[in-house]
Amino acid sequence: MSYDKRIPVTLLTGFLGSGKTTLLGKLLNHPDMKDTAVVINELGEAGLDHILARTVESRHIADNTVLLESGCLCCTLTNEMADTLRDLFFKRALNAIPQFTRLVIETTGMADPGPIMANLLNEPVINSTYRLDAVVVTVDSVYGLQQLEQQAEARKQAAVADVLLLTKIDLASPEQAVALSERLAALNPGATQHRIVQGHIDPMAIINVGLFDPESKKAQPQRWLREVKKPGLLQRGTLPAAKTHENDIASFTVTLPMPLAWSRLEPVLQKICEDYSEQLLRMKGIIHAADLPAPVAIHAVHRTFYPPTLLKGWHEEPPVSRVVLIGEGLDEEAIRKTLMRV
């Protein structure tokens, strides 16, 4: 069984005031966050000094880096993201800081997570060292519905999430909570939802929930893919019933015909990324191809199509190749036709 030894990265984002600061404060003090490095955007609402003012003892061990009593390593983002991640890795290699086994990146509330994911995964040095495990998004249970309607950034954050945290659930009415949950499910049916109060959540609900299980070291592609299943749609074919409006964010799954050749599919996937570029918020897939030694997991953000991850030792019966696409104003019918011709 092959295992991806790169450091898993959790990208934590959410709209302004959605509770990231409270969540981070709780996470930093949780014993299960031992051996975790956390990069905090100092320009955001959750500055390091602001969070540490309410935490247990810490000690500075390197530039802009502190080690908390919980064993969690914490540093501020003072340069470009890539520079900060390289710096952390080299300090880790030189034993200047503890040997952290996973990384959490907190981003500012107005950030579109797409470019951050692209920046994280697009540089060869970074991509060879770190892998995106999951995108976790906090959503205010009281104001979230309003923000989703009025703010494009809030919709994009929710749409690309692997995990959605409905914060301040104790302050929302039951009707507000249900309406928000249903809106999020419509926007991103593949995401896991958790309702939290005062930032309390088991870190294992958001850490290491991606492609590989850290305990068994086995690939778990079905969980990572979070396949979008729309009732009433056939698994194969072209079909959407209605034309997608230009600014609609939607997700859909395309099940590919078998047998399949990666040599023919890869350029088609890359062309979809190029054609839709900024509209394509995220693409994920599991591919069984006759010309590959094992199934592969594929991942793309905007125009960037990342090298596939070979899933040696993982089998699926029957083998089903499928691609999940999340985007803004994507032409679902045209994309389905293109992929079905491979």
C-alpha atoms as a PDB file:
ATOM      1  CA  MET A   1       0.000   0.000   0.000  1.00  0.00           C
ATOM      2  CA  SER A   2       1.539   3.308  -1.033  1.00  0.00           C
ATOM      3  CA  TYR A   3       1.038   6.260   1.271  1.00  0.00           C
ATOM      4  CA  ASP A   4       1.426   9.959   0.597  1.00  0.00           C
ATOM      5  CA  LYS A   5       4.058  11.118   3.094  1.00  0.00           C
ATOM      6  CA  ARG A   6       3.563  14.826   2.420  1.00  0.00           C
ATOM      7  CA  ILE A   7       2.330  17.006   5.290  1.00  0.00           C
ATOM      8  CA  PRO A   8      -1.499  17.314   5.191  1.00  0.00           C
ATOM      9  CA  VAL A   9      -2.808  20.891   5.123  1.00  0.00           C
ATOM     10  CA  THR A  10      -6.187  22.054   6.409  1.00  0.00           C
ATOM     11  CA  LEU A  11      -7.275  25.379   4.942  1.00  0.00           C
ATOM     12  CA  LEU A  12      -9.538  27.154   7.447  1.00  0.00           C
ATOM     13  CA  THR A  13     -11.540  30.081   6.152  1.00  0.00           C
ATOM     14  CA  GLY A  14     -14.898  31.728   6.631  1.00  0.00           C
ATOM     15  CA  PHE A  15     -16.599  35.069   6.227  1.00  0.00           C
ATOM     16  CA  LEU A  16     -15.840  38.004   8.531  1.00  0.00           C
ATOM     17  CA  GLY A  17     -17.308  37.490  11.990  1.00  0.00           C
ATOM     18  CA  SER A  18     -18.125  33.827  11.396  1.00  0.00           C
ATOM     19  CA  GLY A  19     -16.225  32.596  14.449  1.00  0.00           C
ATOM     20  CA  LYS A  20     -12.756  31.599  13.198  1.00  0.00           C
ATOM     21  CA  THR A  21     -11.039  33.382  16.096  1.00  0.00           C
ATOM     22  CA  THR A  22     -13.102  31.554  18.718  1.00  0.00           C
ATOM     23  CA  LEU A  23     -12.616  28.246  16.906  1.00  0.00           C
ATOM     24  CA  LEU A  24      -8.853  28.720  16.614  1.00  0.00           C
ATOM     25  CA  GLY A  25      -8.563  29.631  20.286  1.00  0.00           C
ATOM     26  CA  LYS A  26     -10.254  26.359  21.258  1.00  0.00           C
ATOM     27  CA  LEU A  27      -8.271  24.295  18.737  1.00  0.00           C
ATOM     28  CA  LEU A  28      -4.899  25.688  19.835  1.00  0.00           C
ATOM     29  CA  ASN A  29      -5.538  24.539  23.408  1.00  0.00           C
ATOM     30  CA  HIS A  30      -6.892  21.112  22.501  1.00  0.00           C
ATOM     31  CA  PRO A  31      -4.549  18.195  23.361  1.00  0.00           C
ATOM     32  CA  ASP A  32      -5.405  16.455  20.069  1.00  0.00           C
ATOM     33  CA  MET A  33      -3.762  19.369  18.203  1.00  0.00           C
ATOM     34  CA  LYS A  34      -0.337  18.288  19.454  1.00  0.00           C
ATOM     35  CA  ASP A  35       2.177  18.065  16.575  1.00  0.00           C
ATOM     36  CA  THR A  36       0.097  20.515  14.517  1.00  0.00           C
ATOM     37  CA  ALA A  37       1.506  23.743  13.078  1.00  0.00           C
ATOM     38  CA  VAL A  38      -0.939  26.622  12.615  1.00  0.00           C
ATOM     39  CA  VAL A  39      -0.268  29.561  10.288  1.00  0.00           C
ATOM     40  CA  ILE A  40      -2.365  32.600  11.197  1.00  0.00           C
ATOM     41  CA  ASN A  41      -2.843  35.559   8.874  1.00  0.00           C
ATOM     42  CA  GLU A  42      -1.811  38.484  11.088  1.00  0.00           C
ATOM     43  CA  LEU A  43      -3.827  40.916   8.967  1.00  0.00           C
ATOM     44  CA  GLY A  44      -7.045  39.020   9.569  1.00  0.00           C
ATOM     45  CA  GLU A  45      -9.477  39.188  12.453  1.00  0.00           C
ATOM     46  CA  ALA A  46      -7.606  36.406  14.251  1.00  0.00           C
ATOM     47  CA  GLY A  47      -4.181  37.933  14.927  1.00  0.00           C
ATOM     48  CA  LEU A  48      -1.764  35.705  16.837  1.00  0.00           C
ATOM     49  CA  ASP A  49      -1.369  38.097  19.779  1.00  0.00           C
ATOM     50  CA  HIS A  50      -5.146  38.407  20.084  1.00  0.00           C
ATOM     51  CA  ILE A  51      -5.556  34.635  20.287  1.00  0.00           C
ATOM     52  CA  LEU A  52      -2.559  33.973  22.540  1.00  0.00           C
ATOM     53  CA  ALA A  53      -3.765  36.604  25.009  1.00  0.00           C
ATOM     54  CA  ARG A  54      -6.487  34.150  25.983  1.00  0.00           C
ATOM     55  CA  THR A  55      -4.483  30.921  25.862  1.00  0.00           C
ATOM     56  CA  VAL A  56      -2.301  28.985  28.263  1.00  0.00           C
ATOM     57  CA  GLU A  57       1.438  29.536  28.429  1.00  0.00           C
ATOM     58  CA  SER A  58       3.547  29.628  25.306  1.00  0.00           C
ATOM     59  CA  ARG A  59       7.189  30.175  24.491  1.00  0.00           C
ATOM     60  CA  HIS A  60       8.843  31.740  21.468  1.00  0.00           C
ATOM     61  CA  ILE A  61      11.116  29.276  19.694  1.00  0.00           C
ATOM     62  CA  ALA A  62      11.820  30.961  16.337  1.00  0.00           C
ATOM     63  CA  ASP A  63      10.937  34.059  14.329  1.00  0.00           C
ATOM     64  CA  ASN A  64       7.188  34.702  14.628  1.00  0.00           C
ATOM     65  CA  THR A  65       6.748  31.178  15.997  1.00  0.00           C
ATOM     66  CA  VAL A  66       5.607  30.007  19.423  1.00  0.00           C
ATOM     67  CA  LEU A  67       5.111  26.574  20.957  1.00  0.00           C
ATOM     68  CA  LEU A  68       1.978  26.282  23.074  1.00  0.00           C
ATOM     69  CA  GLU A  69       1.664  24.149  26.169  1.00  0.00           C
ATOM     70  CA  SER A  70      -0.783  21.967  24.237  1.00  0.00           C
ATOM     71  CA  GLY A  71       2.068  21.039  21.860  1.00  0.00           C
ATOM     72  CA  CYS A  72       0.568  23.078  19.027  1.00  0.00           C
ATOM     73  CA  LEU A  73       3.033  25.157  17.009  1.00  0.00           C
ATOM     74  CA  CYS A  74       1.785  28.598  15.986  1.00  0.00           C
ATOM     75  CA  CYS A  75       3.236  31.204  13.636  1.00  0.00           C
ATOM     76  CA  THR A  76       2.110  34.349  11.856  1.00  0.00           C
ATOM     77  CA  LEU A  77       1.983  34.841   8.114  1.00  0.00           C
ATOM     78  CA  THR A  78       4.335  37.779   7.542  1.00  0.00           C
ATOM     79  CA  ASN A  79       5.507  37.075   3.985  1.00  0.00           C
ATOM     80  CA  GLU A  80       4.047  35.270   1.008  1.00  0.00           C
ATOM     81  CA  MET A  81       2.312  31.989   1.837  1.00  0.00           C
ATOM     82  CA  ALA A  82       4.873  29.930  -0.109  1.00  0.00           C
ATOM     83  CA  ASP A  83       7.765  31.592   1.762  1.00  0.00           C
ATOM     84  CA  THR A  84       6.160  30.873   5.122  1.00  0.00           C
ATOM     85  CA  LEU A  85       5.541  27.189   4.255  1.00  0.00           C
ATOM     86  CA  ARG A  86       9.087  26.727   2.960  1.00  0.00           C
ATOM     87  CA  ASP A  87      10.471  28.390   6.083  1.00  0.00           C
ATOM     88  CA  LEU A  88       8.443  26.102   8.350  1.00  0.00           C
ATOM     89  CA  PHE A  89       9.548  23.002   6.483  1.00  0.00           C
ATOM     90  CA  PHE A  90      13.258  23.863   6.573  1.00  0.00           C
ATOM     91  CA  LYS A  91      13.129  24.783  10.273  1.00  0.00           C
ATOM     92  CA  ARG A  92      11.425  21.439  10.878  1.00  0.00           C
ATOM     93  CA  ALA A  93      14.133  19.609   8.886  1.00  0.00           C
ATOM     94  CA  LEU A  94      16.866  21.372  10.914  1.00  0.00           C
ATOM     95  CA  ASN A  95      15.088  20.602  14.209  1.00  0.00           C
ATOM     96  CA  ALA A  96      14.783  24.322  14.923  1.00  0.00           C
ATOM     97  CA  ILE A  97      11.105  23.696  15.599  1.00  0.00           C
ATOM     98  CA  PRO A  98       9.201  20.519  16.629  1.00  0.00           C
ATOM     99  CA  GLN A  99       8.429  17.839  14.029  1.00  0.00           C
ATOM    100  CA  PHE A 100       4.865  18.844  13.235  1.00  0.00           C
ATOM    101  CA  THR A 101       2.860  16.245  11.302  1.00  0.00           C
ATOM    102  CA  ARG A 102       0.066  18.451   9.930  1.00  0.00           C
ATOM    103  CA  LEU A 103      -0.595  22.086   9.135  1.00  0.00           C
ATOM    104  CA  VAL A 104      -3.607  24.392   9.517  1.00  0.00           C
ATOM    105  CA  ILE A 105      -3.720  27.659   7.552  1.00  0.00           C
ATOM    106  CA  GLU A 106      -6.167  30.363   8.664  1.00  0.00           C
ATOM    107  CA  THR A 107      -7.096  32.910   6.014  1.00  0.00           C
ATOM    108  CA  THR A 108      -8.720  36.332   6.116  1.00  0.00           C
ATOM    109  CA  GLY A 109     -12.504  36.525   6.100  1.00  0.00           C
ATOM    110  CA  MET A 110     -12.867  38.135   2.679  1.00  0.00           C
ATOM    111  CA  ALA A 111     -10.515  35.691   0.949  1.00  0.00           C
ATOM    112  CA  ASP A 112     -11.541  33.647  -2.064  1.00  0.00           C
ATOM    113  CA  PRO A 113     -10.020  30.249  -1.171  1.00  0.00           C
ATOM    114  CA  GLY A 114      -9.379  29.341  -4.820  1.00  0.00           C
ATOM    115  CA  PRO A 115      -6.204  31.403  -5.343  1.00  0.00           C
ATOM    116  CA  ILE A 116      -4.940  30.322  -1.914  1.00  0.00           C
ATOM    117  CA  MET A 117      -5.354  26.659  -2.856  1.00  0.00           C
ATOM    118  CA  ALA A 118      -3.673  27.334  -6.190  1.00  0.00           C
ATOM    119  CA  ASN A 119      -0.781  29.133  -4.493  1.00  0.00           C
ATOM    120  CA  LEU A 120      -0.447  26.296  -2.010  1.00  0.00           C
ATOM    121  CA  LEU A 121      -0.372  23.516  -4.575  1.00  0.00           C
ATOM    122  CA  ASN A 122       1.080  25.117  -7.690  1.00  0.00           C
ATOM    123  CA  GLU A 123       4.719  25.535  -6.655  1.00  0.00           C
ATOM    124  CA  PRO A 124       6.786  22.358  -7.105  1.00  0.00           C
ATOM    125  CA  VAL A 125       8.726  22.821  -3.851  1.00  0.00           C
ATOM    126  CA  ILE A 126       5.512  23.341  -1.862  1.00  0.00           C
ATOM    127  CA  ASN A 127       3.593  20.619  -3.701  1.00  0.00           C
ATOM    128  CA  SER A 128       6.346  18.084  -3.046  1.00  0.00           C
ATOM    129  CA  THR A 129       6.226  18.804   0.698  1.00  0.00           C
ATOM    130  CA  TYR A 130       2.582  19.572   1.500  1.00  0.00           C
ATOM    131  CA  ARG A 131      -0.761  18.244   0.269  1.00  0.00           C
ATOM    132  CA  LEU A 132      -4.195  19.790   0.651  1.00  0.00           C
ATOM    133  CA  ASP A 133      -6.191  17.629   3.056  1.00  0.00           C
ATOM    134  CA  ALA A 134      -9.412  19.618   3.344  1.00  0.00           C
ATOM    135  CA  VAL A 135     -10.993  23.049   3.076  1.00  0.00           C
ATOM    136  CA  VAL A 136     -12.922  23.901   6.273  1.00  0.00           C
ATOM    137  CA  VAL A 137     -15.289  26.881   6.240  1.00  0.00           C
ATOM    138  CA  THR A 138     -17.014  28.567   9.188  1.00  0.00           C
ATOM    139  CA  VAL A 139     -20.494  29.994   8.546  1.00  0.00           C
ATOM    140  CA  ASP A 140     -22.339  32.285  10.970  1.00  0.00           C
ATOM    141  CA  SER A 141     -25.675  30.611  11.814  1.00  0.00           C
ATOM    142  CA  VAL A 142     -27.386  33.971  12.397  1.00  0.00           C
ATOM    143  CA  TYR A 143     -26.078  36.009   9.453  1.00  0.00           C
ATOM    144  CA  GLY A 144     -24.841  33.263   7.135  1.00  0.00           C
ATOM    145  CA  LEU A 145     -27.941  33.126   4.962  1.00  0.00           C
ATOM    146  CA  GLN A 146     -27.804  36.884   4.367  1.00  0.00           C
ATOM    147  CA  GLN A 147     -24.067  36.749   3.608  1.00  0.00           C
ATOM    148  CA  LEU A 148     -24.537  33.922   1.113  1.00  0.00           C
ATOM    149  CA  GLU A 149     -27.143  35.975  -0.729  1.00  0.00           C
ATOM    150  CA  GLN A 150     -25.173  39.229  -0.751  1.00  0.00           C
ATOM    151  CA  GLN A 151     -21.464  38.264  -0.887  1.00  0.00           C
ATOM    152  CA  ALA A 152     -19.839  36.328  -3.723  1.00  0.00           C
ATOM    153  CA  GLU A 153     -16.841  35.465  -1.520  1.00  0.00           C
ATOM    154  CA  ALA A 154     -19.097  33.785   1.046  1.00  0.00           C
ATOM    155  CA  ARG A 155     -20.721  31.668  -1.679  1.00  0.00           C
ATOM    156  CA  LYS A 156     -17.357  30.641  -3.124  1.00  0.00           C
ATOM    157  CA  GLN A 157     -16.024  29.689   0.306  1.00  0.00           C
ATOM    158  CA  ALA A 158     -19.053  27.513   1.021  1.00  0.00           C
ATOM    159  CA  ALA A 159     -19.040  25.974  -2.459  1.00  0.00           C
ATOM    160  CA  VAL A 160     -15.453  24.658  -2.314  1.00  0.00           C
ATOM    161  CA  ALA A 161     -15.617  23.461   1.316  1.00  0.00           C
ATOM    162  CA  ASP A 162     -15.071  19.855   2.300  1.00  0.00           C
ATOM    163  CA  VAL A 163     -16.365  20.611   5.800  1.00  0.00           C
ATOM    164  CA  LEU A 164     -18.858  23.349   6.769  1.00  0.00           C
ATOM    165  CA  LEU A 165     -18.989  24.509  10.397  1.00  0.00           C
ATOM    166  CA  LEU A 166     -22.255  26.222  11.356  1.00  0.00           C
ATOM    167  CA  THR A 167     -21.052  28.471  14.192  1.00  0.00           C
ATOM    168  CA  LYS A 168     -23.009  30.310  16.926  1.00  0.00           C
ATOM    169  CA  ILE A 169     -25.786  27.770  16.534  1.00  0.00           C
ATOM    170  CA  ASP A 170     -26.991  28.636  20.049  1.00  0.00           C
ATOM    171  CA  LEU A 171     -27.745  32.214  18.929  1.00  0.00           C
ATOM    172  CA  ALA A 172     -29.793  31.215  15.891  1.00  0.00           C
ATOM    173  CA  SER A 173     -33.462  30.274  15.891  1.00  0.00           C
ATOM    174  CA  PRO A 174     -34.335  26.707  14.838  1.00  0.00           C
ATOM    175  CA  GLU A 175     -35.811  28.149  11.627  1.00  0.00           C
ATOM    176  CA  GLN A 176     -32.594  30.053  10.847  1.00  0.00           C
ATOM    177  CA  ALA A 177     -30.463  26.961  11.444  1.00  0.00           C
ATOM    178  CA  VAL A 178     -32.609  24.772   9.195  1.00  0.00           C
ATOM    179  CA  ALA A 179     -32.790  27.382   6.425  1.00  0.00           C
ATOM    180  CA  LEU A 180     -29.002  27.885   6.474  1.00  0.00           C
ATOM    181  CA  SER A 181     -28.296  24.152   6.505  1.00  0.00           C
ATOM    182  CA  GLU A 182     -30.617  23.604   3.533  1.00  0.00           C
ATOM    183  CA  ARG A 183     -29.082  26.520   1.584  1.00  0.00           C
ATOM    184  CA  LEU A 184     -25.572  25.177   2.187  1.00  0.00           C
ATOM    185  CA  ALA A 185     -26.640  21.670   1.177  1.00  0.00           C
ATOM    186  CA  ALA A 186     -28.051  23.051  -2.069  1.00  0.00           C
ATOM    187  CA  LEU A 187     -24.880  25.051  -2.714  1.00  0.00           C
ATOM    188  CA  ASN A 188     -22.483  22.250  -1.748  1.00  0.00           C
ATOM    189  CA  PRO A 189     -24.232  18.878  -1.358  1.00  0.00           C
ATOM    190  CA  GLY A 190     -20.928  17.041  -0.971  1.00  0.00           C
ATOM    191  CA  ALA A 191     -19.716  18.882   2.141  1.00  0.00           C
ATOM    192  CA  THR A 192     -19.983  17.529   5.684  1.00  0.00           C
ATOM    193  CA  GLN A 193     -21.856  19.871   8.049  1.00  0.00           C
ATOM    194  CA  HIS A 194     -21.221  20.301  11.789  1.00  0.00           C
ATOM    195  CA  ARG A 195     -23.133  22.582  14.167  1.00  0.00           C
ATOM    196  CA  ILE A 196     -20.895  24.092  16.845  1.00  0.00           C
ATOM    197  CA  VAL A 197     -21.291  26.298  19.916  1.00  0.00           C
ATOM    198  CA  GLN A 198     -18.563  28.601  21.302  1.00  0.00           C
ATOM    199  CA  GLY A 199     -15.984  27.075  18.960  1.00  0.00           C
ATOM    200  CA  HIS A 200     -16.162  23.625  20.569  1.00  0.00           C
ATOM    201  CA  ILE A 201     -15.527  20.785  18.101  1.00  0.00           C
ATOM    202  CA  ASP A 202     -13.533  17.579  18.089  1.00  0.00           C
ATOM    203  CA  PRO A 203     -10.437  18.482  16.014  1.00  0.00           C
ATOM    204  CA  MET A 204     -10.670  15.086  14.345  1.00  0.00           C
ATOM    205  CA  ALA A 205     -13.850  16.264  12.621  1.00  0.00           C
ATOM    206  CA  ILE A 206     -11.791  18.708  10.565  1.00  0.00           C
ATOM    207  CA  ILE A 207      -8.203  17.390  10.676  1.00  0.00           C
ATOM    208  CA  ASN A 208      -7.016  14.526   8.456  1.00  0.00           C
ATOM    209  CA  VAL A 209     -10.376  14.060   6.744  1.00  0.00           C
ATOM    210  CA  GLY A 210      -8.993  13.998   3.193  1.00  0.00           C
ATOM    211  CA  LEU A 211      -7.617  11.430   0.774  1.00  0.00           C
ATOM    212  CA  PHE A 212      -5.601   9.351   3.253  1.00  0.00           C
ATOM    213  CA  ASP A 213      -6.520   7.966   6.654  1.00  0.00           C
ATOM    214  CA  PRO A 214      -3.603   8.853   8.983  1.00  0.00           C
ATOM    215  CA  GLU A 215      -4.203   5.818  11.205  1.00  0.00           C
ATOM    216  CA  SER A 216      -4.499   3.034   8.649  1.00  0.00           C
ATOM    217  CA  LYS A 217      -2.361   4.876   6.032  1.00  0.00           C
ATOM    218  CA  LYS A 218      -4.908   3.758   3.458  1.00  0.00           C
ATOM    219  CA  ALA A 219      -6.467   5.830   0.717  1.00  0.00           C
ATOM    220  CA  GLN A 220     -10.141   6.626   1.205  1.00  0.00           C
ATOM    221  CA  PRO A 221     -11.068   8.245  -2.117  1.00  0.00           C
ATOM    222  CA  GLN A 222     -14.835   7.945  -1.776  1.00  0.00           C
ATOM    223  CA  ARG A 223     -14.809  10.016   1.423  1.00  0.00           C
ATOM    224  CA  TRP A 224     -12.404  12.550  -0.069  1.00  0.00           C
ATOM    225  CA  LEU A 225     -14.358  12.888  -3.302  1.00  0.00           C
ATOM    226  CA  ARG A 226     -17.660  13.688  -1.561  1.00  0.00           C
ATOM    227  CA  GLU A 227     -19.513  12.835  -4.716  1.00  0.00           C
ATOM    228  CA  VAL A 228     -22.468  15.016  -5.633  1.00  0.00           C
ATOM    229  CA  LYS A 229     -25.615  12.951  -6.082  1.00  0.00           C
ATOM    230  CA  LYS A 230     -28.585  14.789  -7.549  1.00  0.00           C
ATOM    231  CA  PRO A 231     -31.907  12.989  -7.333  1.00  0.00           C
ATOM    232  CA  GLY A 232     -33.577  12.564 -10.667  1.00  0.00           C
ATOM    233  CA  LEU A 233     -30.415  12.896 -12.769  1.00  0.00           C
ATOM    234  CA  LEU A 234     -29.131   9.934 -14.685  1.00  0.00           C
ATOM    235  CA  GLN A 235     -25.603   8.833 -13.841  1.00  0.00           C
ATOM    236  CA  ARG A 236     -24.500   9.028 -17.470  1.00  0.00           C
ATOM    237  CA  GLY A 237     -25.310  11.318 -20.324  1.00  0.00           C
ATOM    238  CA  THR A 238     -25.780  14.994 -20.875  1.00  0.00           C
ATOM    239  CA  LEU A 239     -28.957  15.933 -19.228  1.00  0.00           C
ATOM    240  CA  PRO A 240     -29.319  19.003 -17.010  1.00  0.00           C
ATOM    241  CA  ALA A 241     -32.927  20.052 -17.046  1.00  0.00           C
ATOM    242  CA  ALA A 242     -32.308  23.782 -16.930  1.00  0.00           C
ATOM    243  CA  LYS A 243     -29.629  26.106 -18.252  1.00  0.00           C
ATOM    244  CA  THR A 244     -27.229  27.348 -15.591  1.00  0.00           C
ATOM    245  CA  HIS A 245     -27.323  31.102 -15.085  1.00  0.00           C
ATOM    246  CA  GLU A 246     -24.052  32.971 -15.417  1.00  0.00           C
ATOM    247  CA  ASN A 247     -23.528  33.706 -11.727  1.00  0.00           C
ATOM    248  CA  ASP A 248     -24.958  30.472 -10.285  1.00  0.00           C
ATOM    249  CA  ILE A 249     -22.547  28.356  -8.231  1.00  0.00           C
ATOM    250  CA  ALA A 250     -23.343  24.689  -8.688  1.00  0.00           C
ATOM    251  CA  SER A 251     -21.713  21.280  -8.409  1.00  0.00           C
ATOM    252  CA  PHE A 252     -22.297  18.114 -10.368  1.00  0.00           C
ATOM    253  CA  THR A 253     -20.780  14.685 -10.911  1.00  0.00           C
ATOM    254  CA  VAL A 254     -19.982  13.157 -14.292  1.00  0.00           C
ATOM    255  CA  THR A 255     -19.604   9.373 -14.437  1.00  0.00           C
ATOM    256  CA  LEU A 256     -17.263   8.523 -17.300  1.00  0.00           C
ATOM    257  CA  PRO A 257     -17.629   5.709 -19.827  1.00  0.00           C
ATOM    258  CA  MET A 258     -15.415   2.651 -19.358  1.00  0.00           C
ATOM    259  CA  PRO A 259     -12.891   1.423 -20.399  1.00  0.00           C
ATOM    260  CA  LEU A 260     -10.881   4.610 -20.216  1.00  0.00           C
ATOM    261  CA  ALA A 261      -7.428   5.777 -21.373  1.00  0.00           C
ATOM    262  CA  TRP A 262      -5.623   8.355 -19.237  1.00  0.00           C
ATOM    263  CA  SER A 263      -3.641   9.493 -22.278  1.00  0.00           C
ATOM    264  CA  ARG A 264      -6.911  10.681 -23.834  1.00  0.00           C
ATOM    265  CA  LEU A 265      -8.634  11.919 -20.668  1.00  0.00           C
ATOM    266  CA  GLU A 266      -5.836  14.071 -19.205  1.00  0.00           C
ATOM    267  CA  PRO A 267      -5.684  16.633 -22.043  1.00  0.00           C
ATOM    268  CA  VAL A 268      -9.483  16.914 -21.989  1.00  0.00           C
ATOM    269  CA  LEU A 269      -9.469  17.668 -18.258  1.00  0.00           C
ATOM    270  CA  GLN A 270      -6.701  20.214 -18.710  1.00  0.00           C
ATOM    271  CA  LYS A 271      -8.657  21.910 -21.491  1.00  0.00           C
ATOM    272  CA  ILE A 272     -11.744  22.159 -19.266  1.00  0.00           C
ATOM    273  CA  CYS A 273      -9.548  23.897 -16.665  1.00  0.00           C
ATOM    274  CA  GLU A 274      -8.218  26.309 -19.293  1.00  0.00           C
ATOM    275  CA  ASP A 275     -11.611  26.992 -20.869  1.00  0.00           C
ATOM    276  CA  TYR A 276     -13.404  27.735 -17.601  1.00  0.00           C
ATOM    277  CA  SER A 277     -10.437  29.096 -15.626  1.00  0.00           C
ATOM    278  CA  GLU A 278     -11.797  31.422 -12.907  1.00  0.00           C
ATOM    279  CA  GLN A 279     -15.293  29.931 -13.223  1.00  0.00           C
ATOM    280  CA  LEU A 280     -14.010  26.488 -12.202  1.00  0.00           C
ATOM    281  CA  LEU A 281     -13.687  26.735  -8.440  1.00  0.00           C
ATOM    282  CA  ARG A 282     -12.666  23.113  -7.923  1.00  0.00           C
ATOM    283  CA  MET A 283     -12.507  19.762  -9.688  1.00  0.00           C
ATOM    284  CA  LYS A 284     -11.965  16.393  -7.991  1.00  0.00           C
ATOM    285  CA  GLY A 285     -12.148  12.900  -9.368  1.00  0.00           C
ATOM    286  CA  ILE A 286     -11.332   9.193  -9.164  1.00  0.00           C
ATOM    287  CA  ILE A 287     -10.115   7.678 -12.396  1.00  0.00           C
ATOM    288  CA  HIS A 288      -9.680   4.004 -13.348  1.00  0.00           C
ATOM    289  CA  ALA A 289      -7.677   3.951 -16.564  1.00  0.00           C
ATOM    290  CA  ALA A 290      -6.426   0.942 -18.518  1.00  0.00           C
ATOM    291  CA  ASP A 291      -3.062   2.606 -19.202  1.00  0.00           C
ATOM    292  CA  LEU A 292      -2.273   3.360 -15.532  1.00  0.00           C
ATOM    293  CA  PRO A 293      -0.901   0.854 -12.974  1.00  0.00           C
ATOM    294  CA  ALA A 294      -3.528   1.826 -10.355  1.00  0.00           C
ATOM    295  CA  PRO A 295      -6.497   4.183  -9.930  1.00  0.00           C
ATOM    296  CA  VAL A 296      -5.657   7.874  -9.517  1.00  0.00           C
ATOM    297  CA  ALA A 297      -7.157  10.794  -7.608  1.00  0.00           C
ATOM    298  CA  ILE A 298      -7.258  14.035  -9.588  1.00  0.00           C
ATOM    299  CA  HIS A 299      -7.577  17.597  -8.322  1.00  0.00           C
ATOM    300  CA  ALA A 300      -7.777  21.012  -9.991  1.00  0.00           C
ATOM    301  CA  VAL A 301      -8.402  24.581  -8.891  1.00  0.00           C
ATOM    302  CA  HIS A 302      -9.259  27.177 -11.531  1.00  0.00           C
ATOM    303  CA  ARG A 303      -6.894  26.705 -14.489  1.00  0.00           C
ATOM    304  CA  THR A 304      -4.377  24.623 -12.533  1.00  0.00           C
ATOM    305  CA  PHE A 305      -4.547  20.845 -12.957  1.00  0.00           C
ATOM    306  CA  TYR A 306      -2.344  19.109 -10.393  1.00  0.00           C
ATOM    307  CA  PRO A 307      -0.342  15.905 -10.863  1.00  0.00           C
ATOM    308  CA  PRO A 308      -2.608  12.915 -10.095  1.00  0.00           C
ATOM    309  CA  THR A 309      -2.089  10.853  -6.952  1.00  0.00           C
ATOM    310  CA  LEU A 310      -1.591   7.140  -7.644  1.00  0.00           C
ATOM    311  CA  LEU A 311      -3.748   5.010  -5.328  1.00  0.00           C
ATOM    312  CA  LYS A 312      -1.648   1.841  -5.233  1.00  0.00           C
ATOM    313  CA  GLY A 313      -3.318  -0.991  -3.365  1.00  0.00           C
ATOM    314  CA  TRP A 314      -6.773   0.592  -3.471  1.00  0.00           C
ATOM    315  CA  HIS A 315      -9.497  -1.217  -5.422  1.00  0.00           C
ATOM    316  CA  GLU A 316     -13.114  -0.515  -6.204  1.00  0.00           C
ATOM    317  CA  GLU A 317     -15.656  -3.009  -7.518  1.00  0.00           C
ATOM    318  CA  PRO A 318     -16.997  -2.267  -9.959  1.00  0.00           C
ATOM    319  CA  PRO A 319     -14.446   0.363 -11.021  1.00  0.00           C
ATOM    320  CA  VAL A 320     -16.265   3.660 -11.651  1.00  0.00           C
ATOM    321  CA  SER A 321     -14.473   6.749 -12.949  1.00  0.00           C
ATOM    322  CA  ARG A 322     -16.154   9.991 -11.971  1.00  0.00           C
ATOM    323  CA  VAL A 323     -15.369  13.670 -11.796  1.00  0.00           C
ATOM    324  CA  VAL A 324     -16.935  16.255  -9.467  1.00  0.00           C
ATOM    325  CA  LEU A 325     -16.952  19.843 -10.720  1.00  0.00           C
ATOM    326  CA  ILE A 326     -17.801  22.919  -8.640  1.00  0.00           C
ATOM    327  CA  GLY A 327     -18.052  26.229 -10.400  1.00  0.00           C
ATOM    328  CA  GLU A 328     -19.722  29.516 -11.133  1.00  0.00           C
ATOM    329  CA  GLY A 329     -21.728  29.591 -14.344  1.00  0.00           C
ATOM    330  CA  LEU A 330     -20.302  26.317 -15.692  1.00  0.00           C
ATOM    331  CA  ASP A 331     -21.988  24.920 -18.798  1.00  0.00           C
ATOM    332  CA  GLU A 332     -22.859  21.547 -17.310  1.00  0.00           C
ATOM    333  CA  GLU A 333     -24.339  20.147 -20.498  1.00  0.00           C
ATOM    334  CA  ALA A 334     -21.280  21.064 -22.596  1.00  0.00           C
ATOM    335  CA  ILE A 335     -18.878  19.650 -19.994  1.00  0.00           C
ATOM    336  CA  ARG A 336     -20.827  16.390 -19.787  1.00  0.00           C
ATOM    337  CA  LYS A 337     -20.794  16.007 -23.573  1.00  0.00           C
ATOM    338  CA  THR A 338     -17.053  16.692 -23.705  1.00  0.00           C
ATOM    339  CA  LEU A 339     -16.226  14.136 -21.017  1.00  0.00           C
ATOM    340  CA  MET A 340     -18.576  11.492 -22.399  1.00  0.00           C
ATOM    341  CA  ARG A 341     -16.713  11.608 -25.743  1.00  0.00           C
ATOM    342  CA  VAL A 342     -13.376  10.597 -24.186  1.00  0.00           C
END
